[in-house]
Amino acid sequence: MTDHRSQWIYECLRPTCRFRFVQTLDQPITYCPKCGSALKVKQTPTPVMQRSTQGVVPTITLELLLDNIRSAFNVGSIFRSADGAGVRHIHICGITPTPDHPRVVKTALGAEMVIPWTQHWNSLEAAQKLKQKGYTLWGLECTSTSTALPQALRNYLPSTPLLLIAGNELGGVDADLIAQCDQVVHIPMLGIKESLNVAVAVSIAIYMIQFYPTKS
């Protein structure tokens, strides 16, 4: 199902420039921002897909714990991905910015208003309390003993809420938190880099967890 919204497309008339861009500001643009020449303007309807959940039934009750993540932009991006992946709750720990931060709002684009979240000053105590309540804890970290996420999911039998723990952009997940985890999982890497941006890594992980076939 789709609906439509208008999109303003600008194109520079100067033959040696031809800069083409979409207008996102409230005020119309008269001259090319690249070279100052006149612009051709076109308004066109753009199809907008409406989200459909038909046939999508996540088998895992999934929550996130964000352990001392520095970047508010990363947190906002995680909130947006978490909404799409059906994450039930986000636990915000330590220095991790909350959705009250304007930079979280900028990248969350409204997701921060629909996903329940709780702030904890101590991530270790928060994880321990959730474990006592029956949560299964998975740390998202590459270690000498971690398991590739696809393999972990093939062997996983969902029976309790799953708490995925993601850590600081530089230091990773707190070692004491790792010790609390029932399993440590990593995203397989094929290139020369050893890790992904934390928001990208969390997004990949939560989508795999929700939609990858698990053991039944």
N, C-alpha and C. Protein backbone atom coordinates (compact mmCIF):
# COMPACT_ATOMS: atom_id res chain seq x y z
N MET A 1 0.84 -1.19 0.00
CA MET A 1 0.00 0.00 0.00
C MET A 1 0.89 1.25 0.00
N THR A 2 0.55 2.22 -0.86
CA THR A 2 1.33 3.44 -0.93
C THR A 2 0.44 4.65 -0.89
N ASP A 3 1.01 5.77 -0.44
CA ASP A 3 0.37 7.06 -0.66
C ASP A 3 1.43 7.94 -1.31
N HIS A 4 1.13 9.21 -1.48
CA HIS A 4 2.05 10.06 -2.20
C HIS A 4 2.27 11.36 -1.46
N ARG A 5 3.45 11.93 -1.62
CA ARG A 5 3.76 13.25 -1.12
C ARG A 5 4.56 13.96 -2.19
N SER A 6 4.52 15.29 -2.16
CA SER A 6 5.21 16.06 -3.17
C SER A 6 6.70 16.16 -2.85
N GLN A 7 7.49 16.16 -3.92
CA GLN A 7 8.93 16.32 -3.78
C GLN A 7 9.37 17.39 -4.77
N TRP A 8 10.15 18.36 -4.26
CA TRP A 8 10.66 19.43 -5.11
C TRP A 8 12.07 19.09 -5.54
N ILE A 9 12.28 18.99 -6.85
CA ILE A 9 13.59 18.67 -7.40
C ILE A 9 14.13 19.88 -8.16
N TYR A 10 15.34 20.28 -7.82
CA TYR A 10 15.99 21.42 -8.45
C TYR A 10 17.15 20.93 -9.31
N GLU A 11 17.33 21.58 -10.47
CA GLU A 11 18.44 21.23 -11.34
C GLU A 11 19.03 22.50 -11.94
N CYS A 12 20.34 22.64 -11.80
CA CYS A 12 21.03 23.83 -12.31
C CYS A 12 21.00 23.83 -13.84
N LEU A 13 20.73 25.03 -14.42
CA LEU A 13 20.65 25.16 -15.87
C LEU A 13 22.01 25.42 -16.52
N ARG A 14 23.02 25.66 -15.73
CA ARG A 14 24.35 25.91 -16.29
C ARG A 14 24.95 24.61 -16.81
N PRO A 15 25.30 24.52 -18.09
CA PRO A 15 25.78 23.26 -18.68
C PRO A 15 26.99 22.66 -17.99
N THR A 16 27.86 23.51 -17.45
CA THR A 16 29.07 22.98 -16.80
C THR A 16 28.85 22.62 -15.33
N CYS A 17 27.64 22.82 -14.83
CA CYS A 17 27.34 22.50 -13.43
C CYS A 17 26.34 21.35 -13.33
N ARG A 18 25.09 21.63 -13.71
CA ARG A 18 24.02 20.62 -13.74
C ARG A 18 23.77 19.98 -12.38
N PHE A 19 24.04 20.72 -11.32
CA PHE A 19 23.83 20.21 -9.96
C PHE A 19 22.34 19.92 -9.76
N ARG A 20 22.01 18.75 -9.27
CA ARG A 20 20.62 18.32 -9.06
C ARG A 20 20.45 17.93 -7.60
N PHE A 21 19.39 18.43 -6.98
CA PHE A 21 19.18 18.16 -5.56
C PHE A 21 17.71 18.28 -5.22
N VAL A 22 17.36 17.73 -4.07
CA VAL A 22 15.99 17.77 -3.56
C VAL A 22 15.89 18.86 -2.52
N GLN A 23 14.83 19.65 -2.58
CA GLN A 23 14.63 20.74 -1.64
C GLN A 23 14.02 20.20 -0.35
N THR A 24 14.67 20.48 0.75
CA THR A 24 14.15 20.03 2.05
C THR A 24 13.89 21.20 2.99
N LEU A 25 14.18 22.42 2.57
CA LEU A 25 13.97 23.59 3.40
C LEU A 25 12.57 24.16 3.19
N ASP A 26 12.12 24.98 4.15
CA ASP A 26 10.79 25.58 4.04
C ASP A 26 10.75 26.64 2.94
N GLN A 27 11.84 27.39 2.75
CA GLN A 27 11.87 28.47 1.78
C GLN A 27 12.37 27.96 0.43
N PRO A 28 11.75 28.38 -0.67
CA PRO A 28 12.22 27.94 -1.99
C PRO A 28 13.59 28.51 -2.30
N ILE A 29 14.35 27.79 -3.12
CA ILE A 29 15.68 28.22 -3.53
C ILE A 29 15.59 28.81 -4.94
N THR A 30 16.21 29.97 -5.12
CA THR A 30 16.15 30.67 -6.40
C THR A 30 17.35 30.38 -7.28
N TYR A 31 18.53 30.27 -6.65
CA TYR A 31 19.76 30.10 -7.41
C TYR A 31 20.49 28.84 -6.96
N CYS A 32 21.27 28.30 -7.85
CA CYS A 32 22.04 27.09 -7.56
C CYS A 32 23.00 27.33 -6.40
N PRO A 33 22.93 26.53 -5.34
CA PRO A 33 23.83 26.74 -4.21
C PRO A 33 25.29 26.39 -4.54
N LYS A 34 25.52 25.73 -5.66
CA LYS A 34 26.88 25.34 -6.04
C LYS A 34 27.58 26.40 -6.88
N CYS A 35 26.84 26.94 -7.88
CA CYS A 35 27.49 27.90 -8.78
C CYS A 35 26.76 29.23 -8.91
N GLY A 36 25.54 29.33 -8.36
CA GLY A 36 24.81 30.59 -8.39
C GLY A 36 23.97 30.81 -9.63
N SER A 37 23.91 29.85 -10.53
CA SER A 37 23.14 29.99 -11.77
C SER A 37 21.65 29.73 -11.51
N ALA A 38 20.84 29.97 -12.56
CA ALA A 38 19.41 29.75 -12.46
C ALA A 38 19.10 28.25 -12.36
N LEU A 39 17.92 27.97 -11.82
CA LEU A 39 17.52 26.59 -11.57
C LEU A 39 16.25 26.24 -12.33
N LYS A 40 16.15 24.98 -12.71
CA LYS A 40 14.89 24.43 -13.17
C LYS A 40 14.26 23.71 -11.99
N VAL A 41 12.97 23.93 -11.79
CA VAL A 41 12.29 23.36 -10.63
C VAL A 41 11.18 22.42 -11.10
N LYS A 42 11.13 21.26 -10.47
CA LYS A 42 10.09 20.30 -10.81
C LYS A 42 9.47 19.75 -9.54
N GLN A 43 8.14 19.76 -9.50
CA GLN A 43 7.44 19.13 -8.38
C GLN A 43 6.88 17.80 -8.86
N THR A 44 7.19 16.76 -8.12
CA THR A 44 6.75 15.43 -8.54
C THR A 44 6.22 14.65 -7.35
N PRO A 45 5.16 13.88 -7.53
CA PRO A 45 4.71 13.02 -6.42
C PRO A 45 5.67 11.86 -6.21
N THR A 46 5.95 11.57 -4.97
CA THR A 46 6.86 10.48 -4.62
C THR A 46 6.08 9.42 -3.86
N PRO A 47 6.07 8.19 -4.33
CA PRO A 47 5.36 7.15 -3.57
C PRO A 47 6.02 6.89 -2.23
N VAL A 48 5.20 6.77 -1.20
CA VAL A 48 5.67 6.48 0.15
C VAL A 48 5.06 5.16 0.59
N MET A 49 5.91 4.20 0.87
CA MET A 49 5.41 2.90 1.28
C MET A 49 4.86 2.94 2.69
N GLN A 50 3.73 2.32 2.88
CA GLN A 50 3.15 2.17 4.21
C GLN A 50 3.62 0.84 4.79
N ARG A 51 4.11 0.87 6.02
CA ARG A 51 4.64 -0.34 6.63
C ARG A 51 3.57 -1.40 6.77
N SER A 52 3.90 -2.60 6.39
CA SER A 52 2.99 -3.72 6.54
C SER A 52 3.64 -4.78 7.41
N THR A 53 2.91 -5.28 8.39
CA THR A 53 3.43 -6.33 9.26
C THR A 53 2.80 -7.68 8.93
N GLN A 54 2.10 -7.74 7.81
CA GLN A 54 1.45 -8.99 7.43
C GLN A 54 2.48 -10.10 7.24
N GLY A 55 2.28 -11.21 7.91
CA GLY A 55 3.17 -12.35 7.78
C GLY A 55 4.45 -12.26 8.59
N VAL A 56 4.63 -11.16 9.35
CA VAL A 56 5.84 -10.98 10.16
C VAL A 56 5.48 -11.23 11.61
N VAL A 57 5.99 -12.31 12.16
CA VAL A 57 5.70 -12.67 13.54
C VAL A 57 7.01 -12.97 14.26
N PRO A 58 7.60 -11.97 14.92
CA PRO A 58 8.85 -12.23 15.65
C PRO A 58 8.64 -13.30 16.71
N THR A 59 9.60 -14.20 16.82
CA THR A 59 9.48 -15.30 17.76
C THR A 59 10.20 -15.02 19.07
N ILE A 60 10.92 -13.90 19.15
CA ILE A 60 11.73 -13.59 20.32
C ILE A 60 11.28 -12.28 20.93
N THR A 61 11.08 -12.26 22.25
CA THR A 61 10.84 -11.02 22.97
C THR A 61 12.19 -10.37 23.23
N LEU A 62 12.44 -9.25 22.56
CA LEU A 62 13.78 -8.68 22.52
C LEU A 62 13.83 -7.31 23.18
N GLU A 63 14.85 -7.11 24.05
CA GLU A 63 15.12 -5.81 24.64
C GLU A 63 16.60 -5.48 24.45
N LEU A 64 16.94 -4.21 24.59
CA LEU A 64 18.32 -3.76 24.43
C LEU A 64 18.83 -3.12 25.70
N LEU A 65 20.12 -3.30 25.96
CA LEU A 65 20.81 -2.55 27.00
C LEU A 65 21.99 -1.84 26.35
N LEU A 66 21.99 -0.52 26.42
CA LEU A 66 23.05 0.29 25.83
C LEU A 66 23.99 0.73 26.94
N ASP A 67 25.19 0.18 26.91
CA ASP A 67 26.17 0.36 27.98
C ASP A 67 27.17 1.47 27.64
N ASN A 68 26.96 2.64 28.22
CA ASN A 68 27.92 3.75 28.09
C ASN A 68 28.27 4.10 26.65
N ILE A 69 27.25 4.22 25.81
CA ILE A 69 27.44 4.68 24.44
C ILE A 69 27.60 6.20 24.46
N ARG A 70 28.59 6.71 23.75
CA ARG A 70 28.91 8.13 23.83
C ARG A 70 28.04 9.00 22.93
N SER A 71 27.79 8.55 21.73
CA SER A 71 27.19 9.41 20.71
C SER A 71 25.67 9.41 20.77
N ALA A 72 25.11 10.61 20.92
CA ALA A 72 23.65 10.74 20.89
C ALA A 72 23.09 10.37 19.53
N PHE A 73 23.84 10.66 18.47
CA PHE A 73 23.39 10.29 17.13
C PHE A 73 23.29 8.77 16.99
N ASN A 74 24.25 8.05 17.55
CA ASN A 74 24.18 6.58 17.53
C ASN A 74 22.97 6.08 18.30
N VAL A 75 22.70 6.69 19.44
CA VAL A 75 21.55 6.27 20.24
C VAL A 75 20.25 6.49 19.48
N GLY A 76 20.13 7.65 18.84
CA GLY A 76 18.92 7.93 18.06
C GLY A 76 18.75 6.95 16.92
N SER A 77 19.84 6.63 16.25
CA SER A 77 19.78 5.66 15.16
C SER A 77 19.36 4.29 15.67
N ILE A 78 19.86 3.91 16.84
CA ILE A 78 19.47 2.63 17.44
C ILE A 78 17.98 2.62 17.76
N PHE A 79 17.46 3.71 18.29
CA PHE A 79 16.02 3.79 18.57
C PHE A 79 15.20 3.58 17.29
N ARG A 80 15.64 4.22 16.22
CA ARG A 80 14.89 4.09 14.96
C ARG A 80 14.90 2.66 14.46
N SER A 81 16.07 2.02 14.48
CA SER A 81 16.15 0.62 14.05
C SER A 81 15.37 -0.29 14.98
N ALA A 82 15.44 0.01 16.28
CA ALA A 82 14.75 -0.82 17.27
C ALA A 82 13.24 -0.81 17.04
N ASP A 83 12.71 0.33 16.64
CA ASP A 83 11.28 0.40 16.34
C ASP A 83 10.94 -0.52 15.17
N GLY A 84 11.76 -0.47 14.13
CA GLY A 84 11.50 -1.31 12.97
C GLY A 84 11.63 -2.79 13.26
N ALA A 85 12.50 -3.13 14.19
CA ALA A 85 12.74 -4.55 14.49
C ALA A 85 11.88 -5.05 15.64
N GLY A 86 11.00 -4.23 16.15
CA GLY A 86 10.08 -4.69 17.18
C GLY A 86 10.70 -4.89 18.55
N VAL A 87 11.73 -4.11 18.86
CA VAL A 87 12.33 -4.18 20.20
C VAL A 87 11.33 -3.66 21.22
N ARG A 88 11.19 -4.39 22.33
CA ARG A 88 10.15 -4.07 23.30
C ARG A 88 10.54 -2.95 24.26
N HIS A 89 11.83 -2.87 24.62
CA HIS A 89 12.25 -1.91 25.64
C HIS A 89 13.75 -1.65 25.46
N ILE A 90 14.19 -0.43 25.77
CA ILE A 90 15.60 -0.10 25.72
C ILE A 90 16.05 0.39 27.09
N HIS A 91 17.11 -0.22 27.60
CA HIS A 91 17.69 0.17 28.89
C HIS A 91 18.92 1.02 28.61
N ILE A 92 18.89 2.25 29.08
CA ILE A 92 19.94 3.23 28.79
C ILE A 92 20.81 3.37 30.03
N CYS A 93 22.10 3.06 29.89
CA CYS A 93 22.95 2.93 31.08
C CYS A 93 24.18 3.84 31.01
N GLY A 94 24.61 4.26 32.22
CA GLY A 94 25.83 5.06 32.35
C GLY A 94 25.72 6.40 31.64
N ILE A 95 26.70 6.70 30.79
CA ILE A 95 26.75 7.99 30.11
C ILE A 95 25.90 8.02 28.83
N THR A 96 25.24 6.94 28.49
CA THR A 96 24.44 6.90 27.27
C THR A 96 23.38 7.99 27.28
N PRO A 97 23.33 8.85 26.25
CA PRO A 97 22.32 9.91 26.21
C PRO A 97 20.92 9.33 26.12
N THR A 98 19.98 9.99 26.77
CA THR A 98 18.58 9.57 26.75
C THR A 98 17.84 10.30 25.62
N PRO A 99 16.60 9.88 25.33
CA PRO A 99 15.81 10.56 24.30
C PRO A 99 15.46 12.01 24.62
N ASP A 100 15.84 12.49 25.80
CA ASP A 100 15.67 13.92 26.08
C ASP A 100 16.70 14.76 25.33
N HIS A 101 17.74 14.14 24.84
CA HIS A 101 18.83 14.85 24.15
C HIS A 101 18.40 15.19 22.73
N PRO A 102 18.57 16.45 22.29
CA PRO A 102 18.11 16.84 20.96
C PRO A 102 18.78 16.08 19.82
N ARG A 103 20.02 15.62 20.02
CA ARG A 103 20.68 14.86 18.95
C ARG A 103 20.13 13.44 18.84
N VAL A 104 19.62 12.91 19.93
CA VAL A 104 18.91 11.62 19.86
C VAL A 104 17.65 11.80 19.04
N VAL A 105 16.93 12.86 19.33
CA VAL A 105 15.67 13.14 18.62
C VAL A 105 15.91 13.30 17.12
N LYS A 106 17.05 13.93 16.77
CA LYS A 106 17.34 14.24 15.36
C LYS A 106 17.47 12.98 14.53
N THR A 107 18.05 11.92 15.07
CA THR A 107 18.23 10.69 14.29
C THR A 107 17.17 9.63 14.59
N ALA A 108 16.50 9.74 15.73
CA ALA A 108 15.44 8.77 16.05
C ALA A 108 14.18 9.02 15.24
N LEU A 109 13.95 10.28 14.88
CA LEU A 109 12.81 10.66 14.03
C LEU A 109 11.47 10.16 14.56
N GLY A 110 11.26 10.29 15.85
CA GLY A 110 9.98 9.92 16.44
C GLY A 110 9.97 8.57 17.13
N ALA A 111 10.94 7.72 16.82
CA ALA A 111 10.97 6.39 17.44
C ALA A 111 11.19 6.49 18.94
N GLU A 112 11.86 7.56 19.37
CA GLU A 112 12.11 7.74 20.80
C GLU A 112 10.84 7.96 21.60
N MET A 113 9.74 8.28 20.90
CA MET A 113 8.48 8.53 21.59
C MET A 113 7.60 7.29 21.68
N VAL A 114 7.96 6.23 20.96
CA VAL A 114 7.10 5.04 20.94
C VAL A 114 7.74 3.82 21.61
N ILE A 115 9.06 3.81 21.76
CA ILE A 115 9.71 2.68 22.41
C ILE A 115 9.92 3.00 23.89
N PRO A 116 9.40 2.21 24.80
CA PRO A 116 9.65 2.44 26.22
C PRO A 116 11.13 2.33 26.55
N TRP A 117 11.59 3.18 27.46
CA TRP A 117 13.01 3.13 27.85
C TRP A 117 13.13 3.45 29.33
N THR A 118 14.21 2.96 29.90
CA THR A 118 14.51 3.19 31.30
C THR A 118 15.98 3.57 31.42
N GLN A 119 16.25 4.57 32.27
CA GLN A 119 17.63 4.97 32.50
C GLN A 119 18.16 4.31 33.77
N HIS A 120 19.35 3.73 33.66
CA HIS A 120 20.03 3.12 34.80
C HIS A 120 21.43 3.74 34.90
N TRP A 121 21.82 4.16 36.08
CA TRP A 121 23.16 4.73 36.22
C TRP A 121 24.23 3.65 36.24
N ASN A 122 23.86 2.43 36.64
CA ASN A 122 24.82 1.34 36.75
C ASN A 122 24.37 0.19 35.86
N SER A 123 25.11 -0.03 34.76
CA SER A 123 24.71 -1.05 33.79
C SER A 123 24.82 -2.46 34.36
N LEU A 124 25.82 -2.70 35.19
CA LEU A 124 26.02 -4.03 35.75
C LEU A 124 24.85 -4.41 36.66
N GLU A 125 24.46 -3.48 37.53
CA GLU A 125 23.33 -3.75 38.42
C GLU A 125 22.04 -3.95 37.63
N ALA A 126 21.87 -3.16 36.56
CA ALA A 126 20.67 -3.30 35.73
C ALA A 126 20.62 -4.68 35.07
N ALA A 127 21.76 -5.12 34.53
CA ALA A 127 21.82 -6.42 33.88
C ALA A 127 21.57 -7.56 34.87
N GLN A 128 22.14 -7.44 36.06
CA GLN A 128 21.96 -8.47 37.07
C GLN A 128 20.49 -8.59 37.49
N LYS A 129 19.82 -7.46 37.63
CA LYS A 129 18.39 -7.49 38.01
C LYS A 129 17.55 -8.13 36.92
N LEU A 130 17.86 -7.81 35.66
CA LEU A 130 17.11 -8.40 34.56
C LEU A 130 17.36 -9.90 34.46
N LYS A 131 18.60 -10.30 34.73
CA LYS A 131 18.92 -11.73 34.71
C LYS A 131 18.16 -12.46 35.81
N GLN A 132 18.05 -11.84 36.97
CA GLN A 132 17.29 -12.43 38.07
C GLN A 132 15.81 -12.57 37.74
N LYS A 133 15.32 -11.71 36.86
CA LYS A 133 13.92 -11.78 36.43
C LYS A 133 13.69 -12.82 35.35
N GLY A 134 14.76 -13.47 34.91
CA GLY A 134 14.60 -14.54 33.93
C GLY A 134 15.03 -14.21 32.52
N TYR A 135 15.64 -13.05 32.31
CA TYR A 135 16.10 -12.69 30.98
C TYR A 135 17.33 -13.52 30.60
N THR A 136 17.44 -13.83 29.31
CA THR A 136 18.67 -14.37 28.75
C THR A 136 19.50 -13.19 28.27
N LEU A 137 20.79 -13.16 28.65
CA LEU A 137 21.66 -12.04 28.31
C LEU A 137 22.64 -12.45 27.22
N TRP A 138 22.65 -11.68 26.14
CA TRP A 138 23.64 -11.84 25.08
C TRP A 138 24.45 -10.56 24.96
N GLY A 139 25.76 -10.68 24.98
CA GLY A 139 26.62 -9.54 24.74
C GLY A 139 27.01 -9.47 23.28
N LEU A 140 26.93 -8.28 22.69
CA LEU A 140 27.32 -8.09 21.29
C LEU A 140 28.76 -7.60 21.28
N GLU A 141 29.69 -8.54 21.14
CA GLU A 141 31.11 -8.22 21.24
C GLU A 141 31.91 -9.33 20.57
N CYS A 142 33.00 -8.96 19.93
CA CYS A 142 33.87 -9.96 19.32
C CYS A 142 34.99 -10.31 20.29
N THR A 143 35.00 -11.55 20.77
CA THR A 143 36.04 -12.01 21.70
C THR A 143 36.60 -13.33 21.18
N SER A 144 37.58 -13.85 21.89
CA SER A 144 38.19 -15.12 21.48
C SER A 144 37.22 -16.29 21.62
N THR A 145 36.16 -16.10 22.38
CA THR A 145 35.20 -17.19 22.60
C THR A 145 33.79 -16.87 22.11
N SER A 146 33.62 -15.71 21.45
CA SER A 146 32.28 -15.34 20.99
C SER A 146 31.83 -16.21 19.83
N THR A 147 30.52 -16.28 19.64
CA THR A 147 29.92 -17.10 18.60
C THR A 147 29.34 -16.20 17.51
N ALA A 148 29.53 -16.56 16.25
CA ALA A 148 28.92 -15.81 15.16
C ALA A 148 27.41 -15.80 15.34
N LEU A 149 26.80 -14.65 15.17
CA LEU A 149 25.37 -14.51 15.45
C LEU A 149 24.50 -15.49 14.68
N PRO A 150 24.71 -15.72 13.39
CA PRO A 150 23.87 -16.71 12.70
C PRO A 150 23.93 -18.10 13.34
N GLN A 151 25.12 -18.51 13.75
CA GLN A 151 25.27 -19.81 14.39
C GLN A 151 24.56 -19.84 15.74
N ALA A 152 24.69 -18.75 16.50
CA ALA A 152 24.02 -18.68 17.81
C ALA A 152 22.51 -18.79 17.65
N LEU A 153 21.97 -18.16 16.62
CA LEU A 153 20.53 -18.18 16.41
C LEU A 153 20.04 -19.56 15.95
N ARG A 154 20.85 -20.25 15.17
CA ARG A 154 20.45 -21.59 14.73
C ARG A 154 20.30 -22.54 15.92
N ASN A 155 21.07 -22.29 16.97
CA ASN A 155 21.05 -23.17 18.13
C ASN A 155 20.21 -22.63 19.28
N TYR A 156 19.53 -21.50 19.06
CA TYR A 156 18.82 -20.83 20.15
C TYR A 156 17.35 -21.24 20.18
N LEU A 157 16.91 -21.63 21.33
CA LEU A 157 15.50 -21.97 21.54
C LEU A 157 14.86 -20.86 22.37
N PRO A 158 14.04 -19.99 21.75
CA PRO A 158 13.46 -18.87 22.50
C PRO A 158 12.53 -19.37 23.59
N SER A 159 12.85 -19.03 24.82
CA SER A 159 11.99 -19.44 25.93
C SER A 159 11.85 -18.32 26.96
N THR A 160 12.77 -17.37 26.95
CA THR A 160 12.73 -16.24 27.89
C THR A 160 12.99 -14.96 27.11
N PRO A 161 12.67 -13.80 27.68
CA PRO A 161 13.03 -12.54 27.00
C PRO A 161 14.54 -12.46 26.80
N LEU A 162 14.95 -11.96 25.64
CA LEU A 162 16.36 -11.85 25.31
C LEU A 162 16.81 -10.40 25.45
N LEU A 163 17.86 -10.19 26.22
CA LEU A 163 18.44 -8.86 26.39
C LEU A 163 19.76 -8.82 25.63
N LEU A 164 19.83 -7.98 24.60
CA LEU A 164 21.06 -7.81 23.83
C LEU A 164 21.80 -6.60 24.38
N ILE A 165 23.07 -6.78 24.72
CA ILE A 165 23.86 -5.73 25.34
C ILE A 165 24.88 -5.21 24.34
N ALA A 166 24.87 -3.89 24.10
CA ALA A 166 25.84 -3.25 23.22
C ALA A 166 26.61 -2.22 24.03
N GLY A 167 27.90 -2.07 23.70
CA GLY A 167 28.75 -1.24 24.54
C GLY A 167 29.34 -0.01 23.89
N ASN A 168 30.24 0.60 24.61
CA ASN A 168 30.91 1.83 24.24
C ASN A 168 31.62 1.71 22.89
N GLU A 169 31.60 2.81 22.10
CA GLU A 169 32.16 2.79 20.76
C GLU A 169 33.65 2.44 20.74
N LEU A 170 34.37 2.83 21.77
CA LEU A 170 35.81 2.56 21.81
C LEU A 170 36.16 1.37 22.69
N GLY A 171 35.59 1.32 23.88
CA GLY A 171 35.95 0.28 24.84
C GLY A 171 35.15 -1.00 24.74
N GLY A 172 34.03 -0.96 24.01
CA GLY A 172 33.18 -2.14 23.92
C GLY A 172 32.33 -2.34 25.17
N VAL A 173 31.84 -3.55 25.35
CA VAL A 173 30.99 -3.87 26.49
C VAL A 173 31.87 -4.07 27.73
N ASP A 174 31.45 -3.53 28.84
CA ASP A 174 32.11 -3.68 30.13
C ASP A 174 32.42 -5.17 30.38
N ALA A 175 33.66 -5.46 30.75
CA ALA A 175 34.07 -6.85 30.97
C ALA A 175 33.24 -7.55 32.02
N ASP A 176 32.82 -6.83 33.06
CA ASP A 176 31.99 -7.45 34.08
C ASP A 176 30.60 -7.76 33.55
N LEU A 177 30.14 -6.96 32.58
CA LEU A 177 28.86 -7.27 31.93
C LEU A 177 28.99 -8.52 31.07
N ILE A 178 30.11 -8.61 30.35
CA ILE A 178 30.36 -9.80 29.53
C ILE A 178 30.30 -11.07 30.40
N ALA A 179 30.85 -10.97 31.61
CA ALA A 179 30.87 -12.12 32.52
C ALA A 179 29.46 -12.54 32.93
N GLN A 180 28.51 -11.61 32.88
CA GLN A 180 27.12 -11.92 33.24
C GLN A 180 26.34 -12.56 32.09
N CYS A 181 26.89 -12.47 30.87
CA CYS A 181 26.14 -12.90 29.70
C CYS A 181 26.07 -14.43 29.59
N ASP A 182 24.92 -14.90 29.15
CA ASP A 182 24.76 -16.32 28.87
C ASP A 182 25.51 -16.71 27.60
N GLN A 183 25.68 -15.75 26.71
CA GLN A 183 26.42 -16.00 25.47
C GLN A 183 26.91 -14.66 24.93
N VAL A 184 28.08 -14.68 24.29
CA VAL A 184 28.61 -13.50 23.62
C VAL A 184 28.60 -13.79 22.13
N VAL A 185 28.03 -12.86 21.36
CA VAL A 185 27.87 -13.08 19.93
C VAL A 185 28.55 -11.95 19.16
N HIS A 186 28.96 -12.27 17.93
CA HIS A 186 29.55 -11.24 17.08
C HIS A 186 28.98 -11.34 15.68
N ILE A 187 29.10 -10.24 14.94
CA ILE A 187 28.68 -10.20 13.54
C ILE A 187 29.89 -10.55 12.68
N PRO A 188 29.80 -11.56 11.84
CA PRO A 188 30.96 -11.94 11.01
C PRO A 188 31.40 -10.78 10.12
N MET A 189 32.71 -10.60 9.97
CA MET A 189 33.28 -9.52 9.18
C MET A 189 34.14 -10.13 8.07
N LEU A 190 34.03 -9.59 6.86
CA LEU A 190 34.79 -10.09 5.72
C LEU A 190 35.91 -9.15 5.28
N GLY A 191 35.87 -7.91 5.73
CA GLY A 191 36.86 -6.93 5.30
C GLY A 191 38.03 -6.84 6.25
N ILE A 192 38.76 -5.72 6.15
CA ILE A 192 39.95 -5.53 6.97
C ILE A 192 39.62 -4.96 8.34
N LYS A 193 38.45 -4.35 8.48
CA LYS A 193 38.07 -3.75 9.76
C LYS A 193 37.58 -4.84 10.71
N GLU A 194 37.78 -4.60 11.99
CA GLU A 194 37.42 -5.59 13.00
C GLU A 194 36.07 -5.33 13.64
N SER A 195 35.48 -4.16 13.35
CA SER A 195 34.20 -3.85 13.99
C SER A 195 33.41 -2.88 13.13
N LEU A 196 32.14 -2.74 13.45
CA LEU A 196 31.23 -1.80 12.80
C LEU A 196 30.88 -0.68 13.75
N ASN A 197 30.38 0.41 13.20
CA ASN A 197 29.76 1.44 14.03
C ASN A 197 28.70 0.80 14.92
N VAL A 198 28.61 1.22 16.18
CA VAL A 198 27.73 0.54 17.13
C VAL A 198 26.27 0.57 16.70
N ALA A 199 25.83 1.68 16.10
CA ALA A 199 24.43 1.74 15.66
C ALA A 199 24.19 0.78 14.50
N VAL A 200 25.16 0.67 13.60
CA VAL A 200 25.04 -0.27 12.49
C VAL A 200 25.05 -1.70 13.02
N ALA A 201 25.96 -1.99 13.93
CA ALA A 201 26.06 -3.34 14.47
C ALA A 201 24.79 -3.75 15.20
N VAL A 202 24.26 -2.86 16.03
CA VAL A 202 23.03 -3.17 16.75
C VAL A 202 21.88 -3.38 15.77
N SER A 203 21.80 -2.55 14.75
CA SER A 203 20.72 -2.67 13.77
C SER A 203 20.77 -4.02 13.06
N ILE A 204 21.96 -4.41 12.62
CA ILE A 204 22.10 -5.72 11.97
C ILE A 204 21.71 -6.84 12.93
N ALA A 205 22.19 -6.73 14.15
CA ALA A 205 21.95 -7.81 15.12
C ALA A 205 20.47 -7.96 15.45
N ILE A 206 19.78 -6.87 15.71
CA ILE A 206 18.38 -7.00 16.12
C ILE A 206 17.49 -7.48 14.98
N TYR A 207 17.82 -7.11 13.76
CA TYR A 207 17.05 -7.62 12.63
C TYR A 207 17.32 -9.10 12.42
N MET A 208 18.56 -9.51 12.57
CA MET A 208 18.85 -10.94 12.46
C MET A 208 18.14 -11.73 13.56
N ILE A 209 18.17 -11.20 14.77
CA ILE A 209 17.55 -11.90 15.89
C ILE A 209 16.05 -12.05 15.66
N GLN A 210 15.42 -11.01 15.16
CA GLN A 210 13.95 -11.07 15.00
C GLN A 210 13.49 -11.88 13.80
N PHE A 211 14.32 -11.96 12.76
CA PHE A 211 13.83 -12.56 11.53
C PHE A 211 14.63 -13.76 11.06
N TYR A 212 15.73 -14.08 11.74
CA TYR A 212 16.52 -15.26 11.38
C TYR A 212 15.86 -16.49 11.99
N PRO A 213 15.75 -17.60 11.24
CA PRO A 213 15.13 -18.81 11.82
C PRO A 213 15.89 -19.30 13.03
N THR A 214 15.17 -19.56 14.10
CA THR A 214 15.79 -20.11 15.32
C THR A 214 15.38 -21.57 15.49
N LYS A 215 16.05 -22.21 16.40
CA LYS A 215 15.73 -23.61 16.71
C LYS A 215 14.35 -23.70 17.32
N SER A 216 13.56 -24.65 16.88
CA SER A 216 12.21 -24.77 17.40
C SER A 216 11.98 -26.16 18.02
